[in-house]
PDB file of all heavy atoms in Angstrom:
ATOM      1  N   ARG A   1     -36.976 -44.407 -80.290  1.00  0.00           N
ATOM      2  CA  ARG A   1     -35.567 -44.823 -80.212  1.00  0.00           C
ATOM      3  C   ARG A   1     -34.625 -43.637 -80.349  1.00  0.00           C
ATOM      4  O   ARG A   1     -33.623 -43.531 -79.640  1.00  0.00           O
ATOM      5  CB  ARG A   1     -35.272 -45.855 -81.308  1.00  0.00           C
ATOM      6  CG  ARG A   1     -35.842 -47.237 -81.048  1.00  0.00           C
ATOM      7  CD  ARG A   1     -35.175 -48.257 -81.957  1.00  0.00           C
ATOM      8  NE  ARG A   1     -35.352 -47.935 -83.359  1.00  0.00           N
ATOM      9  CZ  ARG A   1     -36.310 -48.426 -84.133  1.00  0.00           C
ATOM     10  NH1 ARG A   1     -37.181 -49.275 -83.645  1.00  0.00           N
ATOM     11  NH2 ARG A   1     -36.385 -48.087 -85.404  1.00  0.00           N
ATOM     12  N   GLN A   2     -34.929 -42.743 -81.278  1.00  0.00           N
ATOM     13  CA  GLN A   2     -34.078 -41.571 -81.454  1.00  0.00           C
ATOM     14  C   GLN A   2     -34.103 -40.678 -80.221  1.00  0.00           C
ATOM     15  O   GLN A   2     -33.079 -40.105 -79.830  1.00  0.00           O
ATOM     16  CB  GLN A   2     -34.526 -40.780 -82.695  1.00  0.00           C
ATOM     17  CG  GLN A   2     -33.707 -39.536 -83.002  1.00  0.00           C
ATOM     18  CD  GLN A   2     -32.249 -39.838 -83.308  1.00  0.00           C
ATOM     19  OE1 GLN A   2     -31.886 -40.979 -83.603  1.00  0.00           O
ATOM     20  NE2 GLN A   2     -31.402 -38.823 -83.262  1.00  0.00           N
ATOM     21  N   SER A   3     -35.259 -40.580 -79.587  1.00  0.00           N
ATOM     22  CA  SER A   3     -35.361 -39.801 -78.354  1.00  0.00           C
ATOM     23  C   SER A   3     -34.561 -40.463 -77.238  1.00  0.00           C
ATOM     24  O   SER A   3     -33.909 -39.782 -76.437  1.00  0.00           O
ATOM     25  CB  SER A   3     -36.828 -39.673 -77.934  1.00  0.00           C
ATOM     26  OG  SER A   3     -37.575 -38.995 -78.922  1.00  0.00           O
ATOM     27  N   ILE A   4     -34.611 -41.785 -77.185  1.00  0.00           N
ATOM     28  CA  ILE A   4     -33.825 -42.519 -76.187  1.00  0.00           C
ATOM     29  C   ILE A   4     -32.341 -42.238 -76.388  1.00  0.00           C
ATOM     30  O   ILE A   4     -31.594 -42.033 -75.424  1.00  0.00           O
ATOM     31  CB  ILE A   4     -34.121 -44.031 -76.275  1.00  0.00           C
ATOM     32  CG1 ILE A   4     -35.531 -44.320 -75.752  1.00  0.00           C
ATOM     33  CG2 ILE A   4     -33.088 -44.837 -75.489  1.00  0.00           C
ATOM     34  CD1 ILE A   4     -35.970 -45.750 -75.941  1.00  0.00           C
ATOM     35  N   LYS A   5     -31.907 -42.220 -77.641  1.00  0.00           N
ATOM     36  CA  LYS A   5     -30.504 -41.938 -77.937  1.00  0.00           C
ATOM     37  C   LYS A   5     -30.107 -40.564 -77.413  1.00  0.00           C
ATOM     38  O   LYS A   5     -29.045 -40.391 -76.803  1.00  0.00           O
ATOM     39  CB  LYS A   5     -30.269 -42.017 -79.443  1.00  0.00           C
ATOM     40  CG  LYS A   5     -28.821 -41.813 -79.861  1.00  0.00           C
ATOM     41  CD  LYS A   5     -28.650 -42.035 -81.356  1.00  0.00           C
ATOM     42  CE  LYS A   5     -27.193 -41.889 -81.770  1.00  0.00           C
ATOM     43  NZ  LYS A   5     -26.999 -42.142 -83.216  1.00  0.00           N
ATOM     44  N   SER A   6     -30.975 -39.581 -77.634  1.00  0.00           N
ATOM     45  CA  SER A   6     -30.699 -38.229 -77.149  1.00  0.00           C
ATOM     46  C   SER A   6     -30.667 -38.195 -75.624  1.00  0.00           C
ATOM     47  O   SER A   6     -29.794 -37.557 -75.018  1.00  0.00           O
ATOM     48  CB  SER A   6     -31.775 -37.271 -77.678  1.00  0.00           C
ATOM     49  OG  SER A   6     -31.616 -35.984 -77.138  1.00  0.00           O
ATOM     50  N   TYR A   7     -31.591 -38.910 -74.995  1.00  0.00           N
ATOM     51  CA  TYR A   7     -31.651 -38.939 -73.535  1.00  0.00           C
ATOM     52  C   TYR A   7     -30.444 -39.657 -72.946  1.00  0.00           C
ATOM     53  O   TYR A   7     -29.985 -39.315 -71.853  1.00  0.00           O
ATOM     54  CB  TYR A   7     -32.943 -39.619 -73.079  1.00  0.00           C
ATOM     55  CG  TYR A   7     -34.175 -38.739 -73.134  1.00  0.00           C
ATOM     56  CD1 TYR A   7     -34.225 -37.630 -73.967  1.00  0.00           C
ATOM     57  CD2 TYR A   7     -35.300 -39.014 -72.369  1.00  0.00           C
ATOM     58  CE1 TYR A   7     -35.350 -36.831 -74.032  1.00  0.00           C
ATOM     59  CE2 TYR A   7     -36.437 -38.220 -72.422  1.00  0.00           C
ATOM     60  CZ  TYR A   7     -36.456 -37.130 -73.256  1.00  0.00           C
ATOM     61  OH  TYR A   7     -37.555 -36.333 -73.321  1.00  0.00           O
ATOM     62  N   ILE A   8     -29.956 -40.701 -73.645  1.00  0.00           N
ATOM     63  CA  ILE A   8     -28.762 -41.403 -73.168  1.00  0.00           C
ATOM     64  C   ILE A   8     -27.580 -40.437 -73.115  1.00  0.00           C
ATOM     65  O   ILE A   8     -26.815 -40.413 -72.150  1.00  0.00           O
ATOM     66  CB  ILE A   8     -28.437 -42.612 -74.075  1.00  0.00           C
ATOM     67  CG1 ILE A   8     -29.449 -43.737 -73.851  1.00  0.00           C
ATOM     68  CG2 ILE A   8     -27.017 -43.127 -73.799  1.00  0.00           C
ATOM     69  CD1 ILE A   8     -29.287 -44.908 -74.792  1.00  0.00           C
ATOM     70  N   LYS A   9     -27.428 -39.634 -74.166  1.00  0.00           N
ATOM     71  CA  LYS A   9     -26.355 -38.636 -74.176  1.00  0.00           C
ATOM     72  C   LYS A   9     -26.508 -37.680 -72.998  1.00  0.00           C
ATOM     73  O   LYS A   9     -25.536 -37.363 -72.295  1.00  0.00           O
ATOM     74  CB  LYS A   9     -26.368 -37.855 -75.493  1.00  0.00           C
ATOM     75  CG  LYS A   9     -25.937 -38.643 -76.712  1.00  0.00           C
ATOM     76  CD  LYS A   9     -25.970 -37.759 -77.947  1.00  0.00           C
ATOM     77  CE  LYS A   9     -25.544 -38.514 -79.199  1.00  0.00           C
ATOM     78  NZ  LYS A   9     -25.619 -37.666 -80.416  1.00  0.00           N
ATOM     79  N   THR A  10     -27.748 -37.220 -72.789  1.00  0.00           N
ATOM     80  CA  THR A  10     -28.007 -36.287 -71.685  1.00  0.00           C
ATOM     81  C   THR A  10     -27.680 -36.921 -70.343  1.00  0.00           C
ATOM     82  O   THR A  10     -27.053 -36.298 -69.475  1.00  0.00           O
ATOM     83  CB  THR A  10     -29.479 -35.838 -71.703  1.00  0.00           C
ATOM     84  OG1 THR A  10     -29.765 -35.215 -72.955  1.00  0.00           O
ATOM     85  CG2 THR A  10     -29.759 -34.862 -70.575  1.00  0.00           C
ATOM     86  N   ASP A  11     -28.087 -38.173 -70.168  1.00  0.00           N
ATOM     87  CA  ASP A  11     -27.822 -38.862 -68.902  1.00  0.00           C
ATOM     88  C   ASP A  11     -26.326 -39.015 -68.654  1.00  0.00           C
ATOM     89  O   ASP A  11     -25.847 -38.820 -67.528  1.00  0.00           O
ATOM     90  CB  ASP A  11     -28.492 -40.237 -68.907  1.00  0.00           C
ATOM     91  CG  ASP A  11     -29.913 -40.179 -68.369  1.00  0.00           C
ATOM     92  OD1 ASP A  11     -30.423 -39.056 -68.195  1.00  0.00           O
ATOM     93  OD2 ASP A  11     -30.510 -41.233 -68.122  1.00  0.00           O
ATOM     94  N   LEU A  12     -25.592 -39.389 -69.689  1.00  0.00           N
ATOM     95  CA  LEU A  12     -24.145 -39.565 -69.511  1.00  0.00           C
ATOM     96  C   LEU A  12     -23.465 -38.252 -69.137  1.00  0.00           C
ATOM     97  O   LEU A  12     -22.501 -38.233 -68.368  1.00  0.00           O
ATOM     98  CB  LEU A  12     -23.523 -40.134 -70.790  1.00  0.00           C
ATOM     99  CG  LEU A  12     -23.834 -41.606 -71.090  1.00  0.00           C
ATOM    100  CD1 LEU A  12     -23.285 -41.989 -72.455  1.00  0.00           C
ATOM    101  CD2 LEU A  12     -23.265 -42.520 -70.016  1.00  0.00           C
ATOM    102  N   LEU A  13     -23.980 -37.144 -69.677  1.00  0.00           N
ATOM    103  CA  LEU A  13     -23.369 -35.842 -69.423  1.00  0.00           C
ATOM    104  C   LEU A  13     -23.800 -35.232 -68.092  1.00  0.00           C
ATOM    105  O   LEU A  13     -23.132 -34.335 -67.575  1.00  0.00           O
ATOM    106  CB  LEU A  13     -23.701 -34.867 -70.560  1.00  0.00           C
ATOM    107  CG  LEU A  13     -23.082 -35.196 -71.926  1.00  0.00           C
ATOM    108  CD1 LEU A  13     -23.597 -34.239 -72.998  1.00  0.00           C
ATOM    109  CD2 LEU A  13     -21.561 -35.134 -71.850  1.00  0.00           C
ATOM    110  N   THR A  14     -24.926 -35.706 -67.537  1.00  0.00           N
ATOM    111  CA  THR A  14     -25.422 -35.129 -66.282  1.00  0.00           C
ATOM    112  C   THR A  14     -25.241 -36.063 -65.087  1.00  0.00           C
ATOM    113  O   THR A  14     -24.864 -35.624 -64.004  1.00  0.00           O
ATOM    114  CB  THR A  14     -26.913 -34.751 -66.407  1.00  0.00           C
ATOM    115  OG1 THR A  14     -27.666 -35.917 -66.801  1.00  0.00           O
ATOM    116  CG2 THR A  14     -27.107 -33.662 -67.448  1.00  0.00           C
ATOM    117  N   LEU A  15     -25.515 -37.351 -65.289  1.00  0.00           N
ATOM    118  CA  LEU A  15     -25.446 -38.281 -64.161  1.00  0.00           C
ATOM    119  C   LEU A  15     -24.019 -38.503 -63.689  1.00  0.00           C
ATOM    120  O   LEU A  15     -23.771 -38.637 -62.485  1.00  0.00           O
ATOM    121  CB  LEU A  15     -26.078 -39.623 -64.542  1.00  0.00           C
ATOM    122  CG  LEU A  15     -27.575 -39.613 -64.845  1.00  0.00           C
ATOM    123  CD1 LEU A  15     -28.061 -41.025 -65.150  1.00  0.00           C
ATOM    124  CD2 LEU A  15     -28.363 -39.027 -63.693  1.00  0.00           C
ATOM    125  N   LEU A  16     -23.073 -38.561 -64.636  1.00  0.00           N
ATOM    126  CA  LEU A  16     -21.679 -38.807 -64.261  1.00  0.00           C
ATOM    127  C   LEU A  16     -21.141 -37.697 -63.355  1.00  0.00           C
ATOM    128  O   LEU A  16     -20.617 -37.983 -62.270  1.00  0.00           O
ATOM    129  CB  LEU A  16     -20.821 -38.967 -65.515  1.00  0.00           C
ATOM    130  CG  LEU A  16     -19.337 -39.273 -65.308  1.00  0.00           C
ATOM    131  CD1 LEU A  16     -19.155 -40.525 -64.466  1.00  0.00           C
ATOM    132  CD2 LEU A  16     -18.626 -39.436 -66.651  1.00  0.00           C
ATOM    133  N   PRO A  17     -21.267 -36.413 -63.727  1.00  0.00           N
ATOM    134  CA  PRO A  17     -20.812 -35.356 -62.806  1.00  0.00           C
ATOM    135  C   PRO A  17     -21.576 -35.355 -61.482  1.00  0.00           C
ATOM    136  O   PRO A  17     -20.981 -35.139 -60.421  1.00  0.00           O
ATOM    137  CB  PRO A  17     -21.074 -34.060 -63.593  1.00  0.00           C
ATOM    138  CG  PRO A  17     -21.115 -34.482 -65.023  1.00  0.00           C
ATOM    139  CD  PRO A  17     -21.710 -35.849 -65.025  1.00  0.00           C
ATOM    140  N   ALA A  18     -22.898 -35.610 -61.551  1.00  0.00           N
ATOM    141  CA  ALA A  18     -23.692 -35.611 -60.317  1.00  0.00           C
ATOM    142  C   ALA A  18     -23.221 -36.706 -59.370  1.00  0.00           C
ATOM    143  O   ALA A  18     -23.071 -36.473 -58.155  1.00  0.00           O
ATOM    144  CB  ALA A  18     -25.176 -35.807 -60.652  1.00  0.00           C
ATOM    145  N   ALA A  19     -22.971 -37.892 -59.914  1.00  0.00           N
ATOM    146  CA  ALA A  19     -22.508 -39.005 -59.077  1.00  0.00           C
ATOM    147  C   ALA A  19     -21.128 -38.717 -58.502  1.00  0.00           C
ATOM    148  O   ALA A  19     -20.846 -39.053 -57.342  1.00  0.00           O
ATOM    149  CB  ALA A  19     -22.495 -40.299 -59.893  1.00  0.00           C
ATOM    150  N   LEU A  20     -20.274 -38.096 -59.294  1.00  0.00           N
ATOM    151  CA  LEU A  20     -18.927 -37.766 -58.812  1.00  0.00           C
ATOM    152  C   LEU A  20     -18.977 -36.734 -57.690  1.00  0.00           C
ATOM    153  O   LEU A  20     -18.247 -36.838 -56.695  1.00  0.00           O
ATOM    154  CB  LEU A  20     -18.064 -37.253 -59.969  1.00  0.00           C
ATOM    155  CG  LEU A  20     -17.617 -38.304 -60.998  1.00  0.00           C
ATOM    156  CD1 LEU A  20     -16.940 -37.633 -62.179  1.00  0.00           C
ATOM    157  CD2 LEU A  20     -16.678 -39.324 -60.346  1.00  0.00           C
ATOM    158  N   VAL A  21     -19.840 -35.741 -57.840  1.00  0.00           N
ATOM    159  CA  VAL A  21     -19.980 -34.725 -56.791  1.00  0.00           C
ATOM    160  C   VAL A  21     -20.484 -35.369 -55.497  1.00  0.00           C
ATOM    161  O   VAL A  21     -19.975 -35.091 -54.403  1.00  0.00           O
ATOM    162  CB  VAL A  21     -20.937 -33.603 -57.249  1.00  0.00           C
ATOM    163  CG1 VAL A  21     -21.314 -32.699 -56.074  1.00  0.00           C
ATOM    164  CG2 VAL A  21     -20.288 -32.776 -58.349  1.00  0.00           C
ATOM    165  N   LEU A  22     -21.491 -36.224 -55.618  1.00  0.00           N
ATOM    166  CA  LEU A  22     -22.022 -36.909 -54.437  1.00  0.00           C
ATOM    167  C   LEU A  22     -20.944 -37.771 -53.778  1.00  0.00           C
ATOM    168  O   LEU A  22     -20.851 -37.833 -52.546  1.00  0.00           O
ATOM    169  CB  LEU A  22     -23.221 -37.774 -54.835  1.00  0.00           C
ATOM    170  CG  LEU A  22     -24.502 -37.023 -55.218  1.00  0.00           C
ATOM    171  CD1 LEU A  22     -25.549 -37.986 -55.760  1.00  0.00           C
ATOM    172  CD2 LEU A  22     -25.067 -36.271 -54.015  1.00  0.00           C
ATOM    173  N   MET A  23     -20.133 -38.443 -54.612  1.00  0.00           N
ATOM    174  CA  MET A  23     -19.070 -39.277 -54.072  1.00  0.00           C
ATOM    175  C   MET A  23     -18.043 -38.435 -53.316  1.00  0.00           C
ATOM    176  O   MET A  23     -17.601 -38.802 -52.219  1.00  0.00           O
ATOM    177  CB  MET A  23     -18.385 -40.044 -55.200  1.00  0.00           C
ATOM    178  CG  MET A  23     -17.298 -41.002 -54.725  1.00  0.00           C
ATOM    179  SD  MET A  23     -16.282 -41.643 -56.068  1.00  0.00           S
ATOM    180  CE  MET A  23     -15.262 -40.210 -56.407  1.00  0.00           C
ATOM    181  N   VAL A  24     -17.661 -37.307 -53.896  1.00  0.00           N
ATOM    182  CA  VAL A  24     -16.680 -36.428 -53.253  1.00  0.00           C
ATOM    183  C   VAL A  24     -17.208 -35.943 -51.898  1.00  0.00           C
ATOM    184  O   VAL A  24     -16.484 -35.956 -50.892  1.00  0.00           O
ATOM    185  CB  VAL A  24     -16.345 -35.235 -54.168  1.00  0.00           C
ATOM    186  CG1 VAL A  24     -15.593 -34.157 -53.399  1.00  0.00           C
ATOM    187  CG2 VAL A  24     -15.519 -35.702 -55.364  1.00  0.00           C
ATOM    188  N   LEU A  25     -18.468 -35.521 -51.865  1.00  0.00           N
ATOM    189  CA  LEU A  25     -19.048 -35.047 -50.607  1.00  0.00           C
ATOM    190  C   LEU A  25     -19.092 -36.158 -49.563  1.00  0.00           C
ATOM    191  O   LEU A  25     -18.758 -35.948 -48.390  1.00  0.00           O
ATOM    192  CB  LEU A  25     -20.462 -34.509 -50.862  1.00  0.00           C
ATOM    193  CG  LEU A  25     -20.550 -33.230 -51.691  1.00  0.00           C
ATOM    194  CD1 LEU A  25     -22.003 -32.886 -51.993  1.00  0.00           C
ATOM    195  CD2 LEU A  25     -19.879 -32.064 -50.972  1.00  0.00           C
ATOM    196  N   MET A  26     -19.503 -37.365 -49.998  1.00  0.00           N
ATOM    197  CA  MET A  26     -19.570 -38.487 -49.074  1.00  0.00           C
ATOM    198  C   MET A  26     -18.192 -38.820 -48.513  1.00  0.00           C
ATOM    199  O   MET A  26     -18.036 -39.037 -47.309  1.00  0.00           O
ATOM    200  CB  MET A  26     -20.170 -39.705 -49.789  1.00  0.00           C
ATOM    201  CG  MET A  26     -20.451 -40.912 -48.903  1.00  0.00           C
ATOM    202  SD  MET A  26     -18.997 -41.923 -48.498  1.00  0.00           S
ATOM    203  CE  MET A  26     -18.445 -42.388 -50.130  1.00  0.00           C
ATOM    204  N   LEU A  27     -17.185 -38.847 -49.381  1.00  0.00           N
ATOM    205  CA  LEU A  27     -15.832 -39.183 -48.939  1.00  0.00           C
ATOM    206  C   LEU A  27     -15.290 -38.133 -47.971  1.00  0.00           C
ATOM    207  O   LEU A  27     -14.651 -38.472 -46.961  1.00  0.00           O
ATOM    208  CB  LEU A  27     -14.904 -39.317 -50.146  1.00  0.00           C
ATOM    209  CG  LEU A  27     -15.137 -40.533 -51.056  1.00  0.00           C
ATOM    210  CD1 LEU A  27     -14.285 -40.428 -52.315  1.00  0.00           C
ATOM    211  CD2 LEU A  27     -14.826 -41.825 -50.315  1.00  0.00           C
TER     212      LEU A  27
END
């Protein structure tokens, strides 16, 4: 569970910018 918590933080910090970059390129 503690590892999941750490990974959730990592995902929020990496996936959000990645998705935004992909969206900008697509648009």
